Amino acid sequence: MTPASAGTFADTAEAFDAADALVADLIVACRAMHGRLVAVGLAGAQGSGKSTMAARLRVLLETRGLRAAVLSLDDFYLTRPERAALCRDVHPLLATRGVPGMHDVALACRTIEVLLSGSGPVGSPRFDKTTDDRAPPHDGLMHGTPADVVVLEGWCVGARPLPEHRLENPVNALEQDEDADGSWRRHVNAALRRDDRRLFRRLRLIVLLRAPGFEAVHGWRMQQERGLGWSPGQGAGMMDEATLHRFIAYYERLTRWMLEDEPADLVLDIAADRRPVRWRPGRRDVRWSSVGTADRRQMASRSRCRNQTIPRSATAPQATAPRPMTSPPSISAMNRVAR
């Protein structure tokens, strides 16, 4: 690994700005390399700060002349009735949202396509975690199109299937007691080989916010729960400590695997307070090299020194001029097309 292929961030609050600028530089270079609109991924364990970083990137990219749309993989969870059917027909653990195989991948792919090629406002679904179900179509999200960049953020974005022998032994009490034969975890792994890889291969670039360890996830997730703003009468509500511990167990195997496998082009190591501390190439070698070694090293040389803020790009591709607004397609219509 050359000196230009990794670096550290200043041990200050400015590390967040530096990390944002580094990722934005890479996205701009990726788009310039491909000469067209692109979709990129932002991955990280639960509570690692993906959504917050994605929102900052949207603003930063727009200052560089790129219209960005942000999608959350969580918003493409299957509906509660769809999960109930999987619970009945495949495995009881599939009643709980979260793992691969629980997303409407066809709808996600279709949404990305429409965002990159549309000519007016486009709707996308929104998952309401307080009710544990997809929100009604009229309560979905709206995006302007065409987007120069689509950022898809999610805890398992880019995840690759585990080797078959890695599925044999349970990793926690949930798997030991309720998936003794391994059928649930094999179903999840098969989803990564099938539908989810169909989605992730559309991403020209993947950035991973790498937690210091799985142990940090519980505290982060509890902070998320407290931030849901739930009050009595709003449905499922906030999880208590025991419920949260069980919920996180569903994610443990794949989270630990992603920390080991690092299936990204760029890895940002983050501390327990979520502050970026180091950056380096991930192990998604084909995608990383597709950005171009010269561009990668040029951006790296701008960011590898401690206590220096990464300078912003001097130039960026011009944003596509807004097109006339038309009636947005409804989420239900997109569902019909996707299926």
C-alpha atoms as a PDB file:
ATOM      1  CA  MET A   1       0.000   0.000   0.000  1.00  0.00           C
ATOM      2  CA  THR A   2       1.515   3.318  -1.056  1.00  0.00           C
ATOM      3  CA  PRO A   3       1.717   6.283   1.359  1.00  0.00           C
ATOM      4  CA  ALA A   4      -0.935   8.044  -0.738  1.00  0.00           C
ATOM      5  CA  SER A   5      -3.473   5.287  -0.258  1.00  0.00           C
ATOM      6  CA  ALA A   6      -4.334   5.961   3.390  1.00  0.00           C
ATOM      7  CA  GLY A   7      -4.354   8.778   5.881  1.00  0.00           C
ATOM      8  CA  THR A   8      -5.605  10.102   9.186  1.00  0.00           C
ATOM      9  CA  PHE A   9      -7.902  12.955  10.114  1.00  0.00           C
ATOM     10  CA  ALA A  10      -7.220  15.662  12.663  1.00  0.00           C
ATOM     11  CA  ASP A  11      -8.350  14.770  16.184  1.00  0.00           C
ATOM     12  CA  THR A  12     -10.899  17.593  16.190  1.00  0.00           C
ATOM     13  CA  ALA A  13     -14.494  18.252  15.205  1.00  0.00           C
ATOM     14  CA  GLU A  14     -13.164  19.351  11.811  1.00  0.00           C
ATOM     15  CA  ALA A  15     -12.587  15.669  11.017  1.00  0.00           C
ATOM     16  CA  PHE A  16     -16.242  15.440   9.943  1.00  0.00           C
ATOM     17  CA  ASP A  17     -15.783  18.245   7.405  1.00  0.00           C
ATOM     18  CA  ALA A  18     -12.567  16.668   6.160  1.00  0.00           C
ATOM     19  CA  ALA A  19     -14.209  13.268   5.695  1.00  0.00           C
ATOM     20  CA  ASP A  20     -17.178  14.830   3.901  1.00  0.00           C
ATOM     21  CA  ALA A  21     -14.864  16.691   1.540  1.00  0.00           C
ATOM     22  CA  LEU A  22     -12.853  13.550   0.799  1.00  0.00           C
ATOM     23  CA  VAL A  23     -15.987  11.572  -0.072  1.00  0.00           C
ATOM     24  CA  ALA A  24     -17.386  14.437  -2.150  1.00  0.00           C
ATOM     25  CA  ASP A  25     -14.088  14.640  -4.058  1.00  0.00           C
ATOM     26  CA  LEU A  26     -14.308  10.945  -4.823  1.00  0.00           C
ATOM     27  CA  ILE A  27     -17.922  11.202  -5.982  1.00  0.00           C
ATOM     28  CA  VAL A  28     -17.084  14.138  -8.273  1.00  0.00           C
ATOM     29  CA  ALA A  29     -14.139  12.225  -9.728  1.00  0.00           C
ATOM     30  CA  CYS A  30     -16.270   9.110 -10.166  1.00  0.00           C
ATOM     31  CA  ARG A  31     -18.909  11.039 -12.078  1.00  0.00           C
ATOM     32  CA  ALA A  32     -16.274  12.738 -14.246  1.00  0.00           C
ATOM     33  CA  MET A  33     -14.692   9.356 -14.942  1.00  0.00           C
ATOM     34  CA  HIS A  34     -17.954   7.826 -16.135  1.00  0.00           C
ATOM     35  CA  GLY A  35     -19.187  10.974 -17.829  1.00  0.00           C
ATOM     36  CA  ARG A  36     -22.773  10.450 -16.777  1.00  0.00           C
ATOM     37  CA  LEU A  37     -25.133  10.331 -13.838  1.00  0.00           C
ATOM     38  CA  VAL A  38     -24.084   7.892 -11.124  1.00  0.00           C
ATOM     39  CA  ALA A  39     -25.402   6.091  -8.062  1.00  0.00           C
ATOM     40  CA  VAL A  40     -23.129   5.648  -5.052  1.00  0.00           C
ATOM     41  CA  GLY A  41     -23.479   3.794  -1.766  1.00  0.00           C
ATOM     42  CA  LEU A  42     -22.828   4.749   1.849  1.00  0.00           C
ATOM     43  CA  ALA A  43     -22.654   1.819   4.274  1.00  0.00           C
ATOM     44  CA  GLY A  44     -22.128   1.479   8.002  1.00  0.00           C
ATOM     45  CA  ALA A  45     -23.443  -0.297  11.072  1.00  0.00           C
ATOM     46  CA  GLN A  46     -26.627   0.887  12.749  1.00  0.00           C
ATOM     47  CA  GLY A  47     -26.204   4.291  14.352  1.00  0.00           C
ATOM     48  CA  SER A  48     -22.832   4.976  12.700  1.00  0.00           C
ATOM     49  CA  GLY A  49     -23.986   8.277  11.217  1.00  0.00           C
ATOM     50  CA  LYS A  50     -24.809   7.260   7.629  1.00  0.00           C
ATOM     51  CA  SER A  51     -28.000   9.300   7.332  1.00  0.00           C
ATOM     52  CA  THR A  52     -26.390  12.375   8.834  1.00  0.00           C
ATOM     53  CA  MET A  53     -23.377  12.133   6.545  1.00  0.00           C
ATOM     54  CA  ALA A  54     -25.584  11.538   3.505  1.00  0.00           C
ATOM     55  CA  ALA A  55     -27.524  14.724   4.275  1.00  0.00           C
ATOM     56  CA  ARG A  56     -24.282  16.683   4.570  1.00  0.00           C
ATOM     57  CA  LEU A  57     -22.993  15.214   1.313  1.00  0.00           C
ATOM     58  CA  ARG A  58     -26.147  16.284  -0.473  1.00  0.00           C
ATOM     59  CA  VAL A  59     -25.544  19.904   0.497  1.00  0.00           C
ATOM     60  CA  LEU A  60     -21.808  19.706  -0.247  1.00  0.00           C
ATOM     61  CA  LEU A  61     -22.334  18.191  -3.691  1.00  0.00           C
ATOM     62  CA  GLU A  62     -24.874  20.856  -4.555  1.00  0.00           C
ATOM     63  CA  THR A  63     -22.289  23.553  -3.754  1.00  0.00           C
ATOM     64  CA  ARG A  64     -20.136  21.861  -6.383  1.00  0.00           C
ATOM     65  CA  GLY A  65     -22.843  22.027  -9.012  1.00  0.00           C
ATOM     66  CA  LEU A  66     -24.269  18.521  -8.666  1.00  0.00           C
ATOM     67  CA  ARG A  67     -27.913  17.781  -7.888  1.00  0.00           C
ATOM     68  CA  ALA A  68     -27.924  14.931  -5.391  1.00  0.00           C
ATOM     69  CA  ALA A  69     -30.782  12.710  -4.223  1.00  0.00           C
ATOM     70  CA  VAL A  70     -30.460  10.650  -1.055  1.00  0.00           C
ATOM     71  CA  LEU A  71     -32.253   7.329  -0.587  1.00  0.00           C
ATOM     72  CA  SER A  72     -32.269   5.154   2.514  1.00  0.00           C
ATOM     73  CA  LEU A  73     -32.282   1.396   2.062  1.00  0.00           C
ATOM     74  CA  ASP A  74     -34.488   1.253   5.162  1.00  0.00           C
ATOM     75  CA  ASP A  75     -37.303   2.931   3.247  1.00  0.00           C
ATOM     76  CA  PHE A  76     -37.482  -0.071   0.924  1.00  0.00           C
ATOM     77  CA  TYR A  77     -38.306  -2.589   3.638  1.00  0.00           C
ATOM     78  CA  LEU A  78     -41.133  -4.915   2.742  1.00  0.00           C
ATOM     79  CA  THR A  79     -44.493  -4.056   4.226  1.00  0.00           C
ATOM     80  CA  ARG A  80     -45.644  -5.746   7.409  1.00  0.00           C
ATOM     81  CA  PRO A  81     -48.073  -8.066   5.519  1.00  0.00           C
ATOM     82  CA  GLU A  82     -45.283  -9.077   3.121  1.00  0.00           C
ATOM     83  CA  ARG A  83     -42.998  -9.872   6.027  1.00  0.00           C
ATOM     84  CA  ALA A  84     -45.793 -11.831   7.696  1.00  0.00           C
ATOM     85  CA  ALA A  85     -46.050 -13.991   4.581  1.00  0.00           C
ATOM     86  CA  LEU A  86     -42.305 -14.692   4.662  1.00  0.00           C
ATOM     87  CA  CYS A  87     -42.598 -15.501   8.356  1.00  0.00           C
ATOM     88  CA  ARG A  88     -45.327 -18.031   7.579  1.00  0.00           C
ATOM     89  CA  ASP A  89     -43.817 -19.558   4.433  1.00  0.00           C
ATOM     90  CA  VAL A  90     -40.048 -19.393   5.021  1.00  0.00           C
ATOM     91  CA  HIS A  91     -38.952 -18.768   8.637  1.00  0.00           C
ATOM     92  CA  PRO A  92     -40.462 -17.135  11.750  1.00  0.00           C
ATOM     93  CA  LEU A  93     -37.466 -14.801  12.162  1.00  0.00           C
ATOM     94  CA  LEU A  94     -38.409 -13.091   8.899  1.00  0.00           C
ATOM     95  CA  ALA A  95     -41.226 -11.297  10.687  1.00  0.00           C
ATOM     96  CA  THR A  96     -38.588  -8.792  11.821  1.00  0.00           C
ATOM     97  CA  ARG A  97     -37.301  -6.222   9.345  1.00  0.00           C
ATOM     98  CA  GLY A  98     -33.649  -5.535   8.698  1.00  0.00           C
ATOM     99  CA  VAL A  99     -31.662  -8.267   7.023  1.00  0.00           C
ATOM    100  CA  PRO A 100     -31.169  -8.832   3.276  1.00  0.00           C
ATOM    101  CA  GLY A 101     -34.214 -10.477   1.764  1.00  0.00           C
ATOM    102  CA  MET A 102     -36.459  -8.010   3.609  1.00  0.00           C
ATOM    103  CA  HIS A 103     -36.195  -5.211   1.031  1.00  0.00           C
ATOM    104  CA  ASP A 104     -38.160  -4.529  -2.140  1.00  0.00           C
ATOM    105  CA  VAL A 105     -35.056  -4.602  -4.328  1.00  0.00           C
ATOM    106  CA  ALA A 106     -36.981  -4.245  -7.588  1.00  0.00           C
ATOM    107  CA  LEU A 107     -38.588  -1.042  -6.331  1.00  0.00           C
ATOM    108  CA  ALA A 108     -35.208   0.299  -5.161  1.00  0.00           C
ATOM    109  CA  CYS A 109     -33.635  -0.386  -8.562  1.00  0.00           C
ATOM    110  CA  ARG A 110     -36.554   1.229 -10.339  1.00  0.00           C
ATOM    111  CA  THR A 111     -36.423   4.280  -8.080  1.00  0.00           C
ATOM    112  CA  ILE A 112     -32.722   4.818  -8.789  1.00  0.00           C
ATOM    113  CA  GLU A 113     -33.332   4.511 -12.536  1.00  0.00           C
ATOM    114  CA  VAL A 114     -36.154   7.047 -12.449  1.00  0.00           C
ATOM    115  CA  LEU A 115     -34.153   9.484 -10.310  1.00  0.00           C
ATOM    116  CA  LEU A 116     -31.272   9.402 -12.786  1.00  0.00           C
ATOM    117  CA  SER A 117     -33.450   9.703 -15.882  1.00  0.00           C
ATOM    118  CA  GLY A 118     -36.619  11.506 -14.778  1.00  0.00           C
ATOM    119  CA  SER A 119     -37.919  14.881 -15.849  1.00  0.00           C
ATOM    120  CA  GLY A 120     -39.836  16.053 -12.822  1.00  0.00           C
ATOM    121  CA  PRO A 121     -40.491  15.280  -9.157  1.00  0.00           C
ATOM    122  CA  VAL A 122     -40.295  11.587  -8.316  1.00  0.00           C
ATOM    123  CA  GLY A 123     -41.755   9.844  -5.282  1.00  0.00           C
ATOM    124  CA  SER A 124     -40.021   7.166  -3.215  1.00  0.00           C
ATOM    125  CA  PRO A 125     -41.338   5.126  -0.275  1.00  0.00           C
ATOM    126  CA  ARG A 126     -40.801   5.994   3.375  1.00  0.00           C
ATOM    127  CA  PHE A 127     -40.681   3.363   6.100  1.00  0.00           C
ATOM    128  CA  ASP A 128     -42.221   4.459   9.384  1.00  0.00           C
ATOM    129  CA  LYS A 129     -40.263   2.787  12.180  1.00  0.00           C
ATOM    130  CA  THR A 130     -42.746   3.912  14.806  1.00  0.00           C
ATOM    131  CA  THR A 131     -45.394   1.714  13.167  1.00  0.00           C
ATOM    132  CA  ASP A 132     -42.923  -0.841  11.766  1.00  0.00           C
ATOM    133  CA  ASP A 133     -44.513  -0.544   8.336  1.00  0.00           C
ATOM    134  CA  ARG A 134     -44.259   1.384   5.084  1.00  0.00           C
ATOM    135  CA  ALA A 135     -45.969   4.753   5.224  1.00  0.00           C
ATOM    136  CA  PRO A 136     -48.986   5.375   2.958  1.00  0.00           C
ATOM    137  CA  PRO A 137     -48.068   6.454  -0.616  1.00  0.00           C
ATOM    138  CA  HIS A 138     -49.248  10.025  -0.028  1.00  0.00           C
ATOM    139  CA  ASP A 139     -46.781  10.245   2.884  1.00  0.00           C
ATOM    140  CA  GLY A 140     -43.728   9.191   0.857  1.00  0.00           C
ATOM    141  CA  LEU A 141     -40.649  11.226  -0.077  1.00  0.00           C
ATOM    142  CA  MET A 142     -40.233  13.509  -3.089  1.00  0.00           C
ATOM    143  CA  HIS A 143     -37.100  14.187  -5.132  1.00  0.00           C
ATOM    144  CA  GLY A 144     -36.293  16.533  -7.982  1.00  0.00           C
ATOM    145  CA  THR A 145     -34.982  14.928 -11.165  1.00  0.00           C
ATOM    146  CA  PRO A 146     -32.842  14.271 -12.987  1.00  0.00           C
ATOM    147  CA  ALA A 147     -30.296  13.770 -10.203  1.00  0.00           C
ATOM    148  CA  ASP A 148     -26.618  13.952 -11.094  1.00  0.00           C
ATOM    149  CA  VAL A 149     -25.848  11.673  -8.155  1.00  0.00           C
ATOM    150  CA  VAL A 150     -28.015   9.268  -6.175  1.00  0.00           C
ATOM    151  CA  VAL A 151     -26.655   8.370  -2.729  1.00  0.00           C
ATOM    152  CA  LEU A 152     -28.055   5.117  -1.326  1.00  0.00           C
ATOM    153  CA  GLU A 153     -27.324   4.772   2.373  1.00  0.00           C
ATOM    154  CA  GLY A 154     -27.935   1.641   4.400  1.00  0.00           C
ATOM    155  CA  TRP A 155     -26.389  -0.647   6.962  1.00  0.00           C
ATOM    156  CA  CYS A 156     -25.770  -3.526   4.526  1.00  0.00           C
ATOM    157  CA  VAL A 157     -25.141  -1.583   1.297  1.00  0.00           C
ATOM    158  CA  GLY A 158     -22.519  -3.470  -0.702  1.00  0.00           C
ATOM    159  CA  ALA A 159     -22.493  -6.523   1.573  1.00  0.00           C
ATOM    160  CA  ARG A 160     -21.257  -9.731  -0.006  1.00  0.00           C
ATOM    161  CA  PRO A 161     -22.415 -13.276   0.808  1.00  0.00           C
ATOM    162  CA  LEU A 162     -20.531 -15.135   3.490  1.00  0.00           C
ATOM    163  CA  PRO A 163     -18.634 -18.278   2.524  1.00  0.00           C
ATOM    164  CA  GLU A 164     -20.880 -21.256   3.158  1.00  0.00           C
ATOM    165  CA  HIS A 165     -18.690 -22.666   5.934  1.00  0.00           C
ATOM    166  CA  ARG A 166     -19.042 -19.383   7.856  1.00  0.00           C
ATOM    167  CA  LEU A 167     -22.770 -20.066   8.296  1.00  0.00           C
ATOM    168  CA  GLU A 168     -22.410 -23.309  10.210  1.00  0.00           C
ATOM    169  CA  ASN A 169     -22.084 -22.043  13.785  1.00  0.00           C
ATOM    170  CA  PRO A 170     -24.496 -19.570  15.442  1.00  0.00           C
ATOM    171  CA  VAL A 171     -23.029 -16.220  16.501  1.00  0.00           C
ATOM    172  CA  ASN A 172     -25.478 -15.414  19.297  1.00  0.00           C
ATOM    173  CA  ALA A 173     -28.339 -16.796  21.381  1.00  0.00           C
ATOM    174  CA  LEU A 174     -30.941 -15.769  18.805  1.00  0.00           C
ATOM    175  CA  GLU A 175     -29.384 -17.980  16.151  1.00  0.00           C
ATOM    176  CA  GLN A 176     -28.650 -20.743  18.662  1.00  0.00           C
ATOM    177  CA  ASP A 177     -32.215 -20.933  19.962  1.00  0.00           C
ATOM    178  CA  GLU A 178     -34.335 -19.903  16.975  1.00  0.00           C
ATOM    179  CA  ASP A 179     -32.253 -20.845  13.937  1.00  0.00           C
ATOM    180  CA  ALA A 180     -30.671 -24.073  15.088  1.00  0.00           C
ATOM    181  CA  ASP A 181     -30.694 -25.588  11.591  1.00  0.00           C
ATOM    182  CA  GLY A 182     -29.300 -22.426   9.981  1.00  0.00           C
ATOM    183  CA  SER A 183     -32.148 -22.047   7.494  1.00  0.00           C
ATOM    184  CA  TRP A 184     -32.782 -18.384   8.350  1.00  0.00           C
ATOM    185  CA  ARG A 185     -29.160 -17.307   7.963  1.00  0.00           C
ATOM    186  CA  ARG A 186     -28.853 -19.283   4.729  1.00  0.00           C
ATOM    187  CA  HIS A 187     -31.965 -17.567   3.399  1.00  0.00           C
ATOM    188  CA  VAL A 188     -30.388 -14.184   4.218  1.00  0.00           C
ATOM    189  CA  ASN A 189     -27.128 -15.179   2.556  1.00  0.00           C
ATOM    190  CA  ALA A 190     -28.982 -16.323  -0.555  1.00  0.00           C
ATOM    191  CA  ALA A 191     -30.647 -12.910  -0.752  1.00  0.00           C
ATOM    192  CA  LEU A 192     -27.208 -11.308  -0.936  1.00  0.00           C
ATOM    193  CA  ARG A 193     -26.329 -13.546  -3.873  1.00  0.00           C
ATOM    194  CA  ARG A 194     -29.588 -12.737  -5.613  1.00  0.00           C
ATOM    195  CA  ASP A 195     -31.610  -9.573  -5.204  1.00  0.00           C
ATOM    196  CA  ASP A 196     -29.266  -7.420  -3.157  1.00  0.00           C
ATOM    197  CA  ARG A 197     -26.276  -7.953  -5.430  1.00  0.00           C
ATOM    198  CA  ARG A 198     -28.551  -6.936  -8.280  1.00  0.00           C
ATOM    199  CA  LEU A 199     -28.960  -3.594  -6.512  1.00  0.00           C
ATOM    200  CA  PHE A 200     -25.425  -3.065  -5.237  1.00  0.00           C
ATOM    201  CA  ARG A 201     -23.754  -3.666  -8.573  1.00  0.00           C
ATOM    202  CA  ARG A 202     -25.475  -0.520  -9.845  1.00  0.00           C
ATOM    203  CA  LEU A 203     -23.383   1.543  -7.436  1.00  0.00           C
ATOM    204  CA  ARG A 204     -20.259   3.029  -9.005  1.00  0.00           C
ATOM    205  CA  LEU A 205     -18.726   3.798  -5.630  1.00  0.00           C
ATOM    206  CA  ILE A 206     -19.274   2.504  -2.082  1.00  0.00           C
ATOM    207  CA  VAL A 207     -18.017   4.190   1.095  1.00  0.00           C
ATOM    208  CA  LEU A 208     -18.021   2.287   4.401  1.00  0.00           C
ATOM    209  CA  LEU A 209     -18.206   3.994   7.793  1.00  0.00           C
ATOM    210  CA  ARG A 210     -16.372   1.306   9.740  1.00  0.00           C
ATOM    211  CA  ALA A 211     -17.298   1.037  13.422  1.00  0.00           C
ATOM    212  CA  PRO A 212     -14.535   0.306  15.959  1.00  0.00           C
ATOM    213  CA  GLY A 213     -16.333  -2.973  16.672  1.00  0.00           C
ATOM    214  CA  PHE A 214     -19.754  -4.542  16.912  1.00  0.00           C
ATOM    215  CA  GLU A 215     -19.889  -3.664  20.594  1.00  0.00           C
ATOM    216  CA  ALA A 216     -20.325   0.036  19.729  1.00  0.00           C
ATOM    217  CA  VAL A 217     -23.533  -0.658  17.816  1.00  0.00           C
ATOM    218  CA  HIS A 218     -25.742  -1.242  20.851  1.00  0.00           C
ATOM    219  CA  GLY A 219     -25.063   2.199  22.313  1.00  0.00           C
ATOM    220  CA  TRP A 220     -25.469   3.885  18.943  1.00  0.00           C
ATOM    221  CA  ARG A 221     -28.751   2.097  18.288  1.00  0.00           C
ATOM    222  CA  MET A 222     -30.128   3.073  21.694  1.00  0.00           C
ATOM    223  CA  GLN A 223     -29.321   6.708  20.905  1.00  0.00           C
ATOM    224  CA  GLN A 224     -31.244   6.282  17.653  1.00  0.00           C
ATOM    225  CA  GLU A 225     -34.238   4.853  19.504  1.00  0.00           C
ATOM    226  CA  ARG A 226     -34.305   7.796  21.872  1.00  0.00           C
ATOM    227  CA  GLY A 227     -34.288  10.100  18.878  1.00  0.00           C
ATOM    228  CA  LEU A 228     -37.365   8.579  17.249  1.00  0.00           C
ATOM    229  CA  GLY A 229     -39.586  11.007  19.120  1.00  0.00           C
ATOM    230  CA  TRP A 230     -42.202   8.360  19.890  1.00  0.00           C
ATOM    231  CA  SER A 231     -45.096   9.068  22.199  1.00  0.00           C
ATOM    232  CA  PRO A 232     -48.050   6.897  23.346  1.00  0.00           C
ATOM    233  CA  GLY A 233     -50.531   6.243  20.577  1.00  0.00           C
ATOM    234  CA  GLN A 234     -47.949   6.263  17.778  1.00  0.00           C
ATOM    235  CA  GLY A 235     -47.764   2.528  17.176  1.00  0.00           C
ATOM    236  CA  ALA A 236     -44.870   0.204  17.923  1.00  0.00           C
ATOM    237  CA  GLY A 237     -42.844   2.843  19.788  1.00  0.00           C
ATOM    238  CA  MET A 238     -39.330   2.874  21.190  1.00  0.00           C
ATOM    239  CA  MET A 239     -37.655  -0.395  22.132  1.00  0.00           C
ATOM    240  CA  ASP A 240     -36.607  -1.104  25.694  1.00  0.00           C
ATOM    241  CA  GLU A 241     -33.140  -2.464  26.483  1.00  0.00           C
ATOM    242  CA  ALA A 242     -34.083  -6.156  26.219  1.00  0.00           C
ATOM    243  CA  THR A 243     -36.041  -5.699  22.997  1.00  0.00           C
ATOM    244  CA  LEU A 244     -33.200  -3.695  21.482  1.00  0.00           C
ATOM    245  CA  HIS A 245     -30.653  -6.365  22.433  1.00  0.00           C
ATOM    246  CA  ARG A 246     -32.721  -8.977  20.626  1.00  0.00           C
ATOM    247  CA  PHE A 247     -33.269  -6.711  17.622  1.00  0.00           C
ATOM    248  CA  ILE A 248     -29.549  -6.042  17.178  1.00  0.00           C
ATOM    249  CA  ALA A 249     -28.889  -9.792  17.289  1.00  0.00           C
ATOM    250  CA  TYR A 250     -30.582 -10.071  13.872  1.00  0.00           C
ATOM    251  CA  TYR A 251     -27.880  -7.808  12.444  1.00  0.00           C
ATOM    252  CA  GLU A 252     -24.858  -9.196  14.274  1.00  0.00           C
ATOM    253  CA  ARG A 253     -23.635 -11.831  11.821  1.00  0.00           C
ATOM    254  CA  LEU A 254     -23.629  -9.624   8.747  1.00  0.00           C
ATOM    255  CA  THR A 255     -22.360  -6.556  10.616  1.00  0.00           C
ATOM    256  CA  ARG A 256     -19.356  -8.493  11.908  1.00  0.00           C
ATOM    257  CA  TRP A 257     -18.782  -9.907   8.414  1.00  0.00           C
ATOM    258  CA  MET A 258     -18.802  -6.443   6.833  1.00  0.00           C
ATOM    259  CA  LEU A 259     -16.322  -5.180   9.431  1.00  0.00           C
ATOM    260  CA  GLU A 260     -14.054  -8.037   8.390  1.00  0.00           C
ATOM    261  CA  ASP A 261     -14.733  -8.092   4.645  1.00  0.00           C
ATOM    262  CA  GLU A 262     -14.804  -4.295   4.094  1.00  0.00           C
ATOM    263  CA  PRO A 263     -16.741  -4.500   0.778  1.00  0.00           C
ATOM    264  CA  ALA A 264     -16.211  -0.847  -0.143  1.00  0.00           C
ATOM    265  CA  ASP A 265     -14.030   1.353  -2.302  1.00  0.00           C
ATOM    266  CA  LEU A 266     -13.240   3.733   0.545  1.00  0.00           C
ATOM    267  CA  VAL A 267     -13.232   2.849   4.260  1.00  0.00           C
ATOM    268  CA  LEU A 268     -13.589   5.583   6.874  1.00  0.00           C
ATOM    269  CA  ASP A 269     -12.637   4.212  10.289  1.00  0.00           C
ATOM    270  CA  ILE A 270     -14.711   5.979  12.944  1.00  0.00           C
ATOM    271  CA  ALA A 271     -14.298   6.201  16.711  1.00  0.00           C
ATOM    272  CA  ALA A 272     -16.870   5.390  19.371  1.00  0.00           C
ATOM    273  CA  ASP A 273     -18.076   9.009  19.173  1.00  0.00           C
ATOM    274  CA  ARG A 274     -18.495   8.524  15.383  1.00  0.00           C
ATOM    275  CA  ARG A 275     -15.642  10.909  14.610  1.00  0.00           C
ATOM    276  CA  PRO A 276     -13.685   9.880  11.486  1.00  0.00           C
ATOM    277  CA  VAL A 277     -10.130   8.962  12.455  1.00  0.00           C
ATOM    278  CA  ARG A 278      -8.632   7.281   9.385  1.00  0.00           C
ATOM    279  CA  TRP A 279      -9.350   6.609   5.726  1.00  0.00           C
ATOM    280  CA  ARG A 280      -8.048   3.894   3.424  1.00  0.00           C
ATOM    281  CA  PRO A 281      -9.048   1.776   0.414  1.00  0.00           C
ATOM    282  CA  GLY A 282     -11.537  -1.001   1.028  1.00  0.00           C
ATOM    283  CA  ARG A 283     -11.578  -4.421  -0.632  1.00  0.00           C
ATOM    284  CA  ARG A 284     -13.998  -3.775  -3.444  1.00  0.00           C
ATOM    285  CA  ASP A 285     -11.006  -3.693  -5.753  1.00  0.00           C
ATOM    286  CA  VAL A 286     -12.714  -3.594  -9.129  1.00  0.00           C
ATOM    287  CA  ARG A 287     -14.872  -0.604  -8.260  1.00  0.00           C
ATOM    288  CA  TRP A 288     -12.047   1.219  -6.498  1.00  0.00           C
ATOM    289  CA  SER A 289      -9.724   0.935  -9.473  1.00  0.00           C
ATOM    290  CA  SER A 290     -12.488   1.998 -11.860  1.00  0.00           C
ATOM    291  CA  VAL A 291     -12.282   5.530 -10.462  1.00  0.00           C
ATOM    292  CA  GLY A 292      -8.747   5.750 -11.795  1.00  0.00           C
ATOM    293  CA  THR A 293      -5.464   5.368  -9.914  1.00  0.00           C
ATOM    294  CA  ALA A 294      -4.221   8.856 -10.791  1.00  0.00           C
ATOM    295  CA  ASP A 295      -7.416  10.546  -9.592  1.00  0.00           C
ATOM    296  CA  ARG A 296      -7.448   8.427  -6.440  1.00  0.00           C
ATOM    297  CA  ARG A 297      -3.862   9.291  -5.536  1.00  0.00           C
ATOM    298  CA  GLN A 298      -4.362  12.964  -6.325  1.00  0.00           C
ATOM    299  CA  MET A 299      -7.322  13.128  -3.944  1.00  0.00           C
ATOM    300  CA  ALA A 300      -5.435  11.070  -1.397  1.00  0.00           C
ATOM    301  CA  SER A 301      -2.433  13.398  -1.422  1.00  0.00           C
ATOM    302  CA  ARG A 302      -4.773  16.288  -0.633  1.00  0.00           C
ATOM    303  CA  SER A 303      -6.087  14.611   2.492  1.00  0.00           C
ATOM    304  CA  ARG A 304      -3.463  12.417   4.093  1.00  0.00           C
ATOM    305  CA  CYS A 305      -1.892  14.909   6.484  1.00  0.00           C
ATOM    306  CA  ARG A 306      -3.162  15.338  10.015  1.00  0.00           C
ATOM    307  CA  ASN A 307      -4.531  18.692  11.167  1.00  0.00           C
ATOM    308  CA  GLN A 308      -5.299  19.866   7.662  1.00  0.00           C
ATOM    309  CA  THR A 309      -8.777  20.314   6.249  1.00  0.00           C
ATOM    310  CA  ILE A 310      -9.191  18.670   2.878  1.00  0.00           C
ATOM    311  CA  PRO A 311      -9.500  21.456   0.293  1.00  0.00           C
ATOM    312  CA  ARG A 312     -12.617  21.558  -1.830  1.00  0.00           C
ATOM    313  CA  SER A 313     -12.474  20.741  -5.507  1.00  0.00           C
ATOM    314  CA  ALA A 314     -11.647  23.709  -7.695  1.00  0.00           C
ATOM    315  CA  THR A 315     -13.985  22.533 -10.394  1.00  0.00           C
ATOM    316  CA  ALA A 316     -16.946  20.226 -10.737  1.00  0.00           C
ATOM    317  CA  PRO A 317     -19.220  19.124 -13.565  1.00  0.00           C
ATOM    318  CA  GLN A 318     -22.027  21.564 -14.212  1.00  0.00           C
ATOM    319  CA  ALA A 319     -25.402  20.581 -12.838  1.00  0.00           C
ATOM    320  CA  THR A 320     -28.119  19.695 -15.280  1.00  0.00           C
ATOM    321  CA  ALA A 321     -30.637  22.511 -15.573  1.00  0.00           C
ATOM    322  CA  PRO A 322     -33.985  21.758 -13.932  1.00  0.00           C
ATOM    323  CA  ARG A 323     -36.577  20.457 -16.336  1.00  0.00           C
ATOM    324  CA  PRO A 324     -40.257  21.402 -16.442  1.00  0.00           C
ATOM    325  CA  MET A 325     -42.242  19.860 -13.611  1.00  0.00           C
ATOM    326  CA  THR A 326     -44.729  17.129 -14.410  1.00  0.00           C
ATOM    327  CA  SER A 327     -47.053  15.110 -12.224  1.00  0.00           C
ATOM    328  CA  PRO A 328     -44.964  12.798 -10.013  1.00  0.00           C
ATOM    329  CA  PRO A 329     -45.481   9.072 -10.381  1.00  0.00           C
ATOM    330  CA  SER A 330     -47.158   7.609  -7.347  1.00  0.00           C
ATOM    331  CA  ILE A 331     -45.379   5.065  -5.155  1.00  0.00           C
ATOM    332  CA  SER A 332     -48.071   2.503  -5.870  1.00  0.00           C
ATOM    333  CA  ALA A 333     -47.534   2.998  -9.614  1.00  0.00           C
ATOM    334  CA  MET A 334     -43.797   2.510  -9.188  1.00  0.00           C
ATOM    335  CA  ASN A 335     -44.497  -0.663  -7.262  1.00  0.00           C
ATOM    336  CA  ARG A 336     -46.571  -1.997 -10.138  1.00  0.00           C
ATOM    337  CA  VAL A 337     -43.854  -1.194 -12.681  1.00  0.00           C
ATOM    338  CA  ALA A 338     -41.130  -2.691 -10.482  1.00  0.00           C
ATOM    339  CA  ARG A 339     -42.972  -5.944 -10.055  1.00  0.00           C
END
